[in-house]
Amino acid sequence: MKKYFITSDIHSFFSIFKRALDNAGWQQNNPDHILIVAGDLFDRGNETNQLLNFVQSLGDRFIYVKGNHEDLIEDCVYELSSGINIGSHHISNGTVKTISQICNIGEFEIYSYICDKVMQQTIHDKMKPILEWIRNKSVDYVEIGDYIITHGWIPIIPTSTNIYGQPNKYAFDPDWDKSIDFSKATIDEINNHNRKWYSARWLNGMDCWKQGITVPDKTIICGHYHCSWGWSHIRQKYKEFPNKSNKNFSKSFQPFIDKGIIALDACTAYSGICNVFVIDEEVN
């Protein structure tokens, strides 16, 4: 019987992730043990290359759901290899840090020599196979039995905006899982498809679930947004970012589970915790 070990938002903290994976019963040489990462494999941590080597060594035993940080890596590589200004969000999100580790170039060097043509070409050449691997390996979502695994949430329809013009209310999109034939689709169809999933990767799944946006008879397993948000803002049981001396510290970052949702992002960079949820192939 296959076992699927599902986690999300590892953010290059390989040691924390691997310890949690092993504690969940992972067997490295068991062909029936499958790892699913619901996005945000990299950024923030210092163990990018160890993590990359580990997941690539699994071959087909690794299922990669695309997260917003996978989009950020592609954007950042373009900026760095083109010699244009690096967006400050790439620095604060740790994307430049990830690229510096993969390319074996110091972060300070990248900041200092962004206009250097040799540096630009080096980044382009070293990151090209990584970006191709991400594009070819990653998917928008995966469905196993009664579970849908994605990053932020499924694509949804905005119904209202806040004072800044940003969507804050949504409705269920019955065509959320509509696929397209990329070999036959028009440019507009491809762009619309990619745009809706790009937006979905940035959604707070717990907030969408709170608004009643779920898939009938399915449970969505998501990452992206720290599950302590749900424990604080929905359950009002534990603090969102408790002090580490708080006796309930780890409870704030445990998976947020309710009917139709399992949120896994433990905000590893802050909590030092990585959540792993295990399901069997024979699941109803």
C-alpha atoms as a PDB file:
ATOM      1  CA  MET A   1       0.000   0.000   0.000  1.00  0.00           C
ATOM      2  CA  LYS A   2       1.364   3.394  -0.960  1.00  0.00           C
ATOM      3  CA  LYS A   3       1.766   6.030   1.712  1.00  0.00           C
ATOM      4  CA  TYR A   4       1.815   9.709   0.825  1.00  0.00           C
ATOM      5  CA  PHE A   5       3.810  11.960   3.131  1.00  0.00           C
ATOM      6  CA  ILE A   6       2.516  15.498   2.602  1.00  0.00           C
ATOM      7  CA  THR A   7       4.193  18.669   3.789  1.00  0.00           C
ATOM      8  CA  SER A   8       4.535  22.276   2.638  1.00  0.00           C
ATOM      9  CA  ASP A   9       6.604  25.435   2.951  1.00  0.00           C
ATOM     10  CA  ILE A  10       9.904  23.777   3.835  1.00  0.00           C
ATOM     11  CA  HIS A  11      11.714  26.965   2.776  1.00  0.00           C
ATOM     12  CA  SER A  12      15.161  25.345   2.636  1.00  0.00           C
ATOM     13  CA  PHE A  13      15.088  24.132   6.250  1.00  0.00           C
ATOM     14  CA  PHE A  14      16.147  20.625   5.277  1.00  0.00           C
ATOM     15  CA  SER A  15      17.181  19.336   8.725  1.00  0.00           C
ATOM     16  CA  ILE A  16      13.884  20.328  10.358  1.00  0.00           C
ATOM     17  CA  PHE A  17      11.908  18.867   7.458  1.00  0.00           C
ATOM     18  CA  LYS A  18      13.847  15.586   7.339  1.00  0.00           C
ATOM     19  CA  ARG A  19      13.480  15.065  11.084  1.00  0.00           C
ATOM     20  CA  ALA A  20       9.710  15.593  10.837  1.00  0.00           C
ATOM     21  CA  LEU A  21       9.519  13.290   7.821  1.00  0.00           C
ATOM     22  CA  ASP A  22      11.396  10.510   9.604  1.00  0.00           C
ATOM     23  CA  ASN A  23       9.257  10.950  12.731  1.00  0.00           C
ATOM     24  CA  ALA A  24       6.172  10.453  10.527  1.00  0.00           C
ATOM     25  CA  GLY A  25       7.461   7.020   9.520  1.00  0.00           C
ATOM     26  CA  TRP A  26       9.228   7.773   6.250  1.00  0.00           C
ATOM     27  CA  GLN A  27      11.371   4.943   4.884  1.00  0.00           C
ATOM     28  CA  GLN A  28      13.971   6.191   2.464  1.00  0.00           C
ATOM     29  CA  ASN A  29      14.251   2.958   0.496  1.00  0.00           C
ATOM     30  CA  ASN A  30      10.564   2.025   0.507  1.00  0.00           C
ATOM     31  CA  PRO A  31       9.252   2.390  -3.079  1.00  0.00           C
ATOM     32  CA  ASP A  32       5.702   2.779  -1.718  1.00  0.00           C
ATOM     33  CA  HIS A  33       6.564   5.893   0.295  1.00  0.00           C
ATOM     34  CA  ILE A  34       5.796   9.016  -1.751  1.00  0.00           C
ATOM     35  CA  LEU A  35       6.675  12.584  -0.769  1.00  0.00           C
ATOM     36  CA  ILE A  36       4.352  15.441  -1.749  1.00  0.00           C
ATOM     37  CA  VAL A  37       5.484  19.010  -1.079  1.00  0.00           C
ATOM     38  CA  ALA A  38       2.650  21.535  -1.422  1.00  0.00           C
ATOM     39  CA  GLY A  39       4.863  24.353  -2.634  1.00  0.00           C
ATOM     40  CA  ASP A  40       7.549  26.722  -1.336  1.00  0.00           C
ATOM     41  CA  LEU A  41      10.396  24.248  -1.297  1.00  0.00           C
ATOM     42  CA  PHE A  42      13.053  26.952  -1.100  1.00  0.00           C
ATOM     43  CA  ASP A  43      13.920  30.443   0.272  1.00  0.00           C
ATOM     44  CA  ARG A  44      14.737  31.665   3.792  1.00  0.00           C
ATOM     45  CA  GLY A  45      16.767  28.694   5.093  1.00  0.00           C
ATOM     46  CA  ASN A  46      20.431  27.781   4.591  1.00  0.00           C
ATOM     47  CA  GLU A  47      20.077  24.182   3.379  1.00  0.00           C
ATOM     48  CA  THR A  48      18.849  24.680  -0.174  1.00  0.00           C
ATOM     49  CA  ASN A  49      21.331  22.337  -1.837  1.00  0.00           C
ATOM     50  CA  GLN A  50      20.810  19.505   0.667  1.00  0.00           C
ATOM     51  CA  LEU A  51      17.054  19.768   0.159  1.00  0.00           C
ATOM     52  CA  LEU A  52      17.364  19.937  -3.619  1.00  0.00           C
ATOM     53  CA  ASN A  53      19.609  16.873  -3.708  1.00  0.00           C
ATOM     54  CA  PHE A  54      17.212  14.944  -1.480  1.00  0.00           C
ATOM     55  CA  VAL A  55      14.013  15.581  -3.465  1.00  0.00           C
ATOM     56  CA  GLN A  56      15.725  15.065  -6.820  1.00  0.00           C
ATOM     57  CA  SER A  57      17.107  11.737  -5.624  1.00  0.00           C
ATOM     58  CA  LEU A  58      13.531  10.484  -5.117  1.00  0.00           C
ATOM     59  CA  GLY A  59      12.638  10.702  -8.807  1.00  0.00           C
ATOM     60  CA  ASP A  60       8.983   9.782  -9.316  1.00  0.00           C
ATOM     61  CA  ARG A  61       8.568   9.321  -5.562  1.00  0.00           C
ATOM     62  CA  PHE A  62       8.559  13.109  -5.257  1.00  0.00           C
ATOM     63  CA  ILE A  63       5.413  15.014  -6.282  1.00  0.00           C
ATOM     64  CA  TYR A  64       5.956  18.773  -6.486  1.00  0.00           C
ATOM     65  CA  VAL A  65       3.017  21.164  -6.171  1.00  0.00           C
ATOM     66  CA  LYS A  66       3.936  24.658  -7.291  1.00  0.00           C
ATOM     67  CA  GLY A  67       3.939  27.437  -4.699  1.00  0.00           C
ATOM     68  CA  ASN A  68       4.251  31.196  -4.921  1.00  0.00           C
ATOM     69  CA  HIS A  69       7.957  30.989  -4.070  1.00  0.00           C
ATOM     70  CA  GLU A  70       8.510  28.875  -7.165  1.00  0.00           C
ATOM     71  CA  ASP A  71       7.111  31.822  -9.110  1.00  0.00           C
ATOM     72  CA  LEU A  72       9.362  34.188  -7.167  1.00  0.00           C
ATOM     73  CA  ILE A  73      12.481  32.206  -8.030  1.00  0.00           C
ATOM     74  CA  GLU A  74      11.730  32.452 -11.726  1.00  0.00           C
ATOM     75  CA  ASP A  75      11.078  36.200 -11.476  1.00  0.00           C
ATOM     76  CA  CYS A  76      14.233  36.779  -9.437  1.00  0.00           C
ATOM     77  CA  VAL A  77      16.474  34.829 -11.802  1.00  0.00           C
ATOM     78  CA  TYR A  78      15.158  36.937 -14.673  1.00  0.00           C
ATOM     79  CA  GLU A  79      15.955  40.143 -12.787  1.00  0.00           C
ATOM     80  CA  LEU A  80      19.425  38.986 -11.744  1.00  0.00           C
ATOM     81  CA  SER A  81      20.430  37.602 -15.124  1.00  0.00           C
ATOM     82  CA  SER A  82      19.039  40.663 -16.929  1.00  0.00           C
ATOM     83  CA  GLY A  83      20.916  43.165 -14.784  1.00  0.00           C
ATOM     84  CA  ILE A  84      17.823  45.093 -13.728  1.00  0.00           C
ATOM     85  CA  ASN A  85      17.208  46.200 -10.156  1.00  0.00           C
ATOM     86  CA  ILE A  86      16.434  43.392  -7.721  1.00  0.00           C
ATOM     87  CA  GLY A  87      12.961  43.744  -6.225  1.00  0.00           C
ATOM     88  CA  SER A  88      13.218  44.276  -2.466  1.00  0.00           C
ATOM     89  CA  HIS A  89      10.698  41.458  -1.941  1.00  0.00           C
ATOM     90  CA  HIS A  90      13.224  39.005  -3.396  1.00  0.00           C
ATOM     91  CA  ILE A  91      15.611  39.986  -0.632  1.00  0.00           C
ATOM     92  CA  SER A  92      13.078  39.912   2.218  1.00  0.00           C
ATOM     93  CA  ASN A  93      11.586  36.611   1.001  1.00  0.00           C
ATOM     94  CA  GLY A  94      14.993  34.959   0.813  1.00  0.00           C
ATOM     95  CA  THR A  95      14.871  34.312  -2.917  1.00  0.00           C
ATOM     96  CA  VAL A  96      18.261  35.907  -3.575  1.00  0.00           C
ATOM     97  CA  LYS A  97      19.592  33.785  -0.718  1.00  0.00           C
ATOM     98  CA  THR A  98      18.380  30.615  -2.422  1.00  0.00           C
ATOM     99  CA  ILE A  99      19.948  31.575  -5.743  1.00  0.00           C
ATOM    100  CA  SER A 100      23.234  32.448  -4.055  1.00  0.00           C
ATOM    101  CA  GLN A 101      23.350  28.985  -2.466  1.00  0.00           C
ATOM    102  CA  ILE A 102      22.569  27.126  -5.694  1.00  0.00           C
ATOM    103  CA  CYS A 103      25.061  29.212  -7.678  1.00  0.00           C
ATOM    104  CA  ASN A 104      27.665  29.173  -4.889  1.00  0.00           C
ATOM    105  CA  ILE A 105      27.899  32.948  -5.030  1.00  0.00           C
ATOM    106  CA  GLY A 106      27.831  35.069  -1.904  1.00  0.00           C
ATOM    107  CA  GLU A 107      24.734  37.226  -1.415  1.00  0.00           C
ATOM    108  CA  PHE A 108      26.971  40.279  -1.034  1.00  0.00           C
ATOM    109  CA  GLU A 109      28.581  39.512  -4.391  1.00  0.00           C
ATOM    110  CA  ILE A 110      25.184  39.335  -6.062  1.00  0.00           C
ATOM    111  CA  TYR A 111      24.166  42.694  -4.597  1.00  0.00           C
ATOM    112  CA  SER A 112      27.504  44.282  -5.468  1.00  0.00           C
ATOM    113  CA  TYR A 113      27.920  42.991  -9.006  1.00  0.00           C
ATOM    114  CA  ILE A 114      24.386  42.923 -10.325  1.00  0.00           C
ATOM    115  CA  CYS A 115      25.467  44.888 -13.415  1.00  0.00           C
ATOM    116  CA  ASP A 116      28.434  42.605 -14.089  1.00  0.00           C
ATOM    117  CA  LYS A 117      27.852  40.688 -17.349  1.00  0.00           C
ATOM    118  CA  VAL A 118      29.887  37.693 -16.191  1.00  0.00           C
ATOM    119  CA  MET A 119      27.834  37.461 -12.990  1.00  0.00           C
ATOM    120  CA  GLN A 120      24.602  37.709 -14.965  1.00  0.00           C
ATOM    121  CA  GLN A 121      25.665  34.900 -17.312  1.00  0.00           C
ATOM    122  CA  THR A 122      26.824  32.718 -14.415  1.00  0.00           C
ATOM    123  CA  ILE A 123      23.451  33.037 -12.679  1.00  0.00           C
ATOM    124  CA  HIS A 124      21.611  32.362 -15.928  1.00  0.00           C
ATOM    125  CA  ASP A 125      23.664  29.240 -16.724  1.00  0.00           C
ATOM    126  CA  LYS A 126      23.518  27.737 -13.245  1.00  0.00           C
ATOM    127  CA  MET A 127      19.846  28.437 -12.630  1.00  0.00           C
ATOM    128  CA  LYS A 128      18.543  27.423 -16.067  1.00  0.00           C
ATOM    129  CA  PRO A 129      18.457  23.654 -15.334  1.00  0.00           C
ATOM    130  CA  ILE A 130      16.858  24.308 -11.926  1.00  0.00           C
ATOM    131  CA  LEU A 131      14.103  26.429 -13.452  1.00  0.00           C
ATOM    132  CA  GLU A 132      13.510  23.823 -16.152  1.00  0.00           C
ATOM    133  CA  TRP A 133      13.280  21.123 -13.489  1.00  0.00           C
ATOM    134  CA  ILE A 134      10.739  23.178 -11.510  1.00  0.00           C
ATOM    135  CA  ARG A 135       8.635  23.859 -14.634  1.00  0.00           C
ATOM    136  CA  ASN A 136       8.660  20.218 -15.733  1.00  0.00           C
ATOM    137  CA  LYS A 137       8.215  18.709 -12.277  1.00  0.00           C
ATOM    138  CA  SER A 138       5.708  20.995 -10.595  1.00  0.00           C
ATOM    139  CA  VAL A 139       1.918  20.858 -10.934  1.00  0.00           C
ATOM    140  CA  ASP A 140      -0.858  23.212  -9.809  1.00  0.00           C
ATOM    141  CA  TYR A 141      -2.515  20.548  -7.685  1.00  0.00           C
ATOM    142  CA  VAL A 142      -2.737  16.807  -7.197  1.00  0.00           C
ATOM    143  CA  GLU A 143      -5.779  14.749  -6.260  1.00  0.00           C
ATOM    144  CA  ILE A 144      -5.541  11.546  -4.211  1.00  0.00           C
ATOM    145  CA  GLY A 145      -8.802   9.906  -3.243  1.00  0.00           C
ATOM    146  CA  ASP A 146     -10.869  12.457  -1.343  1.00  0.00           C
ATOM    147  CA  TYR A 147      -7.925  14.846  -0.987  1.00  0.00           C
ATOM    148  CA  ILE A 148      -6.864  17.781  -3.161  1.00  0.00           C
ATOM    149  CA  ILE A 149      -3.323  18.995  -2.445  1.00  0.00           C
ATOM    150  CA  THR A 150      -2.464  22.520  -3.545  1.00  0.00           C
ATOM    151  CA  HIS A 151      -0.481  25.489  -2.283  1.00  0.00           C
ATOM    152  CA  GLY A 152      -2.668  28.458  -1.309  1.00  0.00           C
ATOM    153  CA  TRP A 153      -6.143  27.331  -2.386  1.00  0.00           C
ATOM    154  CA  ILE A 154      -8.021  26.453  -5.545  1.00  0.00           C
ATOM    155  CA  PRO A 155      -8.810  29.264  -8.030  1.00  0.00           C
ATOM    156  CA  ILE A 156     -11.815  31.303  -6.874  1.00  0.00           C
ATOM    157  CA  ILE A 157     -13.917  34.227  -8.087  1.00  0.00           C
ATOM    158  CA  PRO A 158     -13.480  37.667  -6.413  1.00  0.00           C
ATOM    159  CA  THR A 159     -16.831  39.222  -5.496  1.00  0.00           C
ATOM    160  CA  SER A 160     -15.803  42.403  -3.636  1.00  0.00           C
ATOM    161  CA  THR A 161     -12.739  44.511  -2.831  1.00  0.00           C
ATOM    162  CA  ASN A 162     -11.391  46.467   0.126  1.00  0.00           C
ATOM    163  CA  ILE A 163     -10.657  50.211   0.225  1.00  0.00           C
ATOM    164  CA  TYR A 164      -7.364  49.561  -1.587  1.00  0.00           C
ATOM    165  CA  GLY A 165      -9.096  47.813  -4.468  1.00  0.00           C
ATOM    166  CA  GLN A 166      -7.834  44.394  -3.449  1.00  0.00           C
ATOM    167  CA  PRO A 167     -10.231  41.414  -3.445  1.00  0.00           C
ATOM    168  CA  ASN A 168     -11.421  40.444   0.037  1.00  0.00           C
ATOM    169  CA  LYS A 169     -14.534  38.387  -0.660  1.00  0.00           C
ATOM    170  CA  TYR A 170     -14.720  35.395  -2.956  1.00  0.00           C
ATOM    171  CA  ALA A 171     -17.066  32.782  -4.390  1.00  0.00           C
ATOM    172  CA  PHE A 172     -16.547  29.205  -5.535  1.00  0.00           C
ATOM    173  CA  ASP A 173     -15.426  28.758  -9.146  1.00  0.00           C
ATOM    174  CA  PRO A 174     -17.103  25.653 -10.608  1.00  0.00           C
ATOM    175  CA  ASP A 175     -14.427  25.616 -13.328  1.00  0.00           C
ATOM    176  CA  TRP A 176     -11.516  25.715 -10.880  1.00  0.00           C
ATOM    177  CA  ASP A 177     -10.134  22.383 -12.141  1.00  0.00           C
ATOM    178  CA  LYS A 178     -10.782  22.955 -15.832  1.00  0.00           C
ATOM    179  CA  SER A 179      -7.742  21.841 -17.768  1.00  0.00           C
ATOM    180  CA  ILE A 180      -6.559  23.056 -21.149  1.00  0.00           C
ATOM    181  CA  ASP A 181      -4.657  21.464 -23.999  1.00  0.00           C
ATOM    182  CA  PHE A 182      -1.572  23.678 -24.139  1.00  0.00           C
ATOM    183  CA  SER A 183      -0.738  22.411 -27.626  1.00  0.00           C
ATOM    184  CA  LYS A 184      -4.075  23.685 -28.970  1.00  0.00           C
ATOM    185  CA  ALA A 185      -4.997  26.551 -26.628  1.00  0.00           C
ATOM    186  CA  THR A 186      -4.705  30.196 -27.637  1.00  0.00           C
ATOM    187  CA  ILE A 187      -2.264  32.547 -25.929  1.00  0.00           C
ATOM    188  CA  ASP A 188      -5.166  34.188 -24.078  1.00  0.00           C
ATOM    189  CA  GLU A 189      -6.443  30.821 -22.853  1.00  0.00           C
ATOM    190  CA  ILE A 190      -2.993  29.838 -21.605  1.00  0.00           C
ATOM    191  CA  ASN A 191      -2.454  33.206 -19.920  1.00  0.00           C
ATOM    192  CA  ASN A 192      -5.866  33.085 -18.222  1.00  0.00           C
ATOM    193  CA  HIS A 193      -5.222  29.547 -16.984  1.00  0.00           C
ATOM    194  CA  ASN A 194      -1.783  30.441 -15.616  1.00  0.00           C
ATOM    195  CA  ARG A 195      -3.051  33.691 -14.119  1.00  0.00           C
ATOM    196  CA  LYS A 196      -5.831  32.049 -12.114  1.00  0.00           C
ATOM    197  CA  TRP A 197      -3.456  29.488 -10.603  1.00  0.00           C
ATOM    198  CA  TYR A 198      -0.809  32.145  -9.957  1.00  0.00           C
ATOM    199  CA  SER A 199      -3.408  34.097  -7.949  1.00  0.00           C
ATOM    200  CA  ALA A 200      -4.575  30.948  -6.153  1.00  0.00           C
ATOM    201  CA  ARG A 201      -1.052  30.299  -4.886  1.00  0.00           C
ATOM    202  CA  TRP A 202      -1.181  33.566  -2.920  1.00  0.00           C
ATOM    203  CA  LEU A 203      -4.513  32.890  -1.200  1.00  0.00           C
ATOM    204  CA  ASN A 204      -4.964  32.268   2.516  1.00  0.00           C
ATOM    205  CA  GLY A 205      -6.693  28.895   2.291  1.00  0.00           C
ATOM    206  CA  MET A 206      -8.061  29.091   5.824  1.00  0.00           C
ATOM    207  CA  ASP A 207      -9.759  32.400   5.059  1.00  0.00           C
ATOM    208  CA  CYS A 208     -11.237  30.942   1.851  1.00  0.00           C
ATOM    209  CA  TRP A 209     -12.473  27.937   3.805  1.00  0.00           C
ATOM    210  CA  LYS A 210     -13.970  30.268   6.425  1.00  0.00           C
ATOM    211  CA  GLN A 211     -15.915  31.974   3.608  1.00  0.00           C
ATOM    212  CA  GLY A 212     -17.351  28.582   2.680  1.00  0.00           C
ATOM    213  CA  ILE A 213     -15.323  28.037  -0.476  1.00  0.00           C
ATOM    214  CA  THR A 214     -14.683  24.314  -0.547  1.00  0.00           C
ATOM    215  CA  VAL A 215     -14.904  21.446  -3.016  1.00  0.00           C
ATOM    216  CA  PRO A 216     -17.919  19.231  -2.250  1.00  0.00           C
ATOM    217  CA  ASP A 217     -16.978  15.870  -0.698  1.00  0.00           C
ATOM    218  CA  LYS A 218     -13.274  16.736  -0.825  1.00  0.00           C
ATOM    219  CA  THR A 219     -10.669  17.895   1.686  1.00  0.00           C
ATOM    220  CA  ILE A 220      -8.161  20.479   0.493  1.00  0.00           C
ATOM    221  CA  ILE A 221      -4.650  20.147   1.915  1.00  0.00           C
ATOM    222  CA  CYS A 222      -2.898  23.495   1.600  1.00  0.00           C
ATOM    223  CA  GLY A 223       0.154  25.440   2.654  1.00  0.00           C
ATOM    224  CA  HIS A 224       1.262  29.029   2.042  1.00  0.00           C
ATOM    225  CA  TYR A 225      -0.349  30.664   5.079  1.00  0.00           C
ATOM    226  CA  HIS A 226       0.815  29.849   8.607  1.00  0.00           C
ATOM    227  CA  CYS A 227      -1.707  27.592  10.322  1.00  0.00           C
ATOM    228  CA  SER A 228      -1.356  29.645  13.504  1.00  0.00           C
ATOM    229  CA  TRP A 229      -3.536  32.211  11.692  1.00  0.00           C
ATOM    230  CA  GLY A 230      -6.410  29.766  11.790  1.00  0.00           C
ATOM    231  CA  TRP A 231      -5.842  28.879  15.432  1.00  0.00           C
ATOM    232  CA  SER A 232      -5.821  32.581  16.300  1.00  0.00           C
ATOM    233  CA  HIS A 233      -8.325  34.243  13.951  1.00  0.00           C
ATOM    234  CA  ILE A 234     -10.801  31.409  13.384  1.00  0.00           C
ATOM    235  CA  ARG A 235     -10.615  29.242  16.497  1.00  0.00           C
ATOM    236  CA  GLN A 236      -9.363  32.058  18.758  1.00  0.00           C
ATOM    237  CA  LYS A 237      -7.587  29.404  20.775  1.00  0.00           C
ATOM    238  CA  TYR A 238      -3.844  30.048  20.405  1.00  0.00           C
ATOM    239  CA  LYS A 239      -1.770  33.109  19.556  1.00  0.00           C
ATOM    240  CA  GLU A 240      -0.751  33.710  15.963  1.00  0.00           C
ATOM    241  CA  PHE A 241       2.914  34.402  16.772  1.00  0.00           C
ATOM    242  CA  PRO A 242       3.403  33.416  20.405  1.00  0.00           C
ATOM    243  CA  ASN A 243       6.607  33.978  22.303  1.00  0.00           C
ATOM    244  CA  LYS A 244       8.711  30.829  22.225  1.00  0.00           C
ATOM    245  CA  SER A 245       8.436  30.586  25.999  1.00  0.00           C
ATOM    246  CA  ASN A 246       4.652  30.248  25.691  1.00  0.00           C
ATOM    247  CA  LYS A 247       3.563  26.806  26.915  1.00  0.00           C
ATOM    248  CA  ASN A 248       1.233  26.477  23.911  1.00  0.00           C
ATOM    249  CA  PHE A 249       3.867  27.579  21.397  1.00  0.00           C
ATOM    250  CA  SER A 250       3.886  24.360  19.361  1.00  0.00           C
ATOM    251  CA  LYS A 251       0.079  24.116  19.406  1.00  0.00           C
ATOM    252  CA  SER A 252      -0.158  27.396  17.496  1.00  0.00           C
ATOM    253  CA  PHE A 253       1.657  25.766  14.579  1.00  0.00           C
ATOM    254  CA  GLN A 254       0.019  22.352  14.549  1.00  0.00           C
ATOM    255  CA  PRO A 255      -2.022  21.559  11.408  1.00  0.00           C
ATOM    256  CA  PHE A 256      -5.319  23.428  11.217  1.00  0.00           C
ATOM    257  CA  ILE A 257      -7.833  20.675  10.501  1.00  0.00           C
ATOM    258  CA  ASP A 258     -11.574  20.877   9.995  1.00  0.00           C
ATOM    259  CA  LYS A 259     -14.140  19.498   7.572  1.00  0.00           C
ATOM    260  CA  GLY A 260     -12.850  20.240   4.088  1.00  0.00           C
ATOM    261  CA  ILE A 261      -9.434  21.623   5.062  1.00  0.00           C
ATOM    262  CA  ILE A 262      -6.016  20.608   6.333  1.00  0.00           C
ATOM    263  CA  ALA A 263      -3.623  23.580   6.522  1.00  0.00           C
ATOM    264  CA  LEU A 264       0.021  22.563   7.051  1.00  0.00           C
ATOM    265  CA  ASP A 265       2.297  25.624   6.892  1.00  0.00           C
ATOM    266  CA  ALA A 266       4.007  25.760  10.296  1.00  0.00           C
ATOM    267  CA  CYS A 267       5.906  28.977   9.496  1.00  0.00           C
ATOM    268  CA  THR A 268       9.106  26.979   9.885  1.00  0.00           C
ATOM    269  CA  ALA A 269      11.431  29.989   9.779  1.00  0.00           C
ATOM    270  CA  TYR A 270       9.779  31.286  12.974  1.00  0.00           C
ATOM    271  CA  SER A 271       8.605  28.113  14.706  1.00  0.00           C
ATOM    272  CA  GLY A 272      11.314  25.602  13.841  1.00  0.00           C
ATOM    273  CA  ILE A 273       8.467  23.149  13.157  1.00  0.00           C
ATOM    274  CA  CYS A 274       7.522  21.297   9.976  1.00  0.00           C
ATOM    275  CA  ASN A 275       4.182  19.501   9.688  1.00  0.00           C
ATOM    276  CA  VAL A 276       3.815  16.194   7.851  1.00  0.00           C
ATOM    277  CA  PHE A 277       0.425  14.626   7.132  1.00  0.00           C
ATOM    278  CA  VAL A 278       0.243  10.992   5.996  1.00  0.00           C
ATOM    279  CA  ILE A 279      -2.493   9.398   3.892  1.00  0.00           C
ATOM    280  CA  ASP A 280      -2.814   5.903   2.466  1.00  0.00           C
ATOM    281  CA  GLU A 281      -3.559   5.157  -1.157  1.00  0.00           C
ATOM    282  CA  GLU A 282      -6.738   3.330  -0.174  1.00  0.00           C
ATOM    283  CA  VAL A 283      -8.554   6.362   1.183  1.00  0.00           C
ATOM    284  CA  ASN A 284     -12.259   7.091   0.903  1.00  0.00           C
END
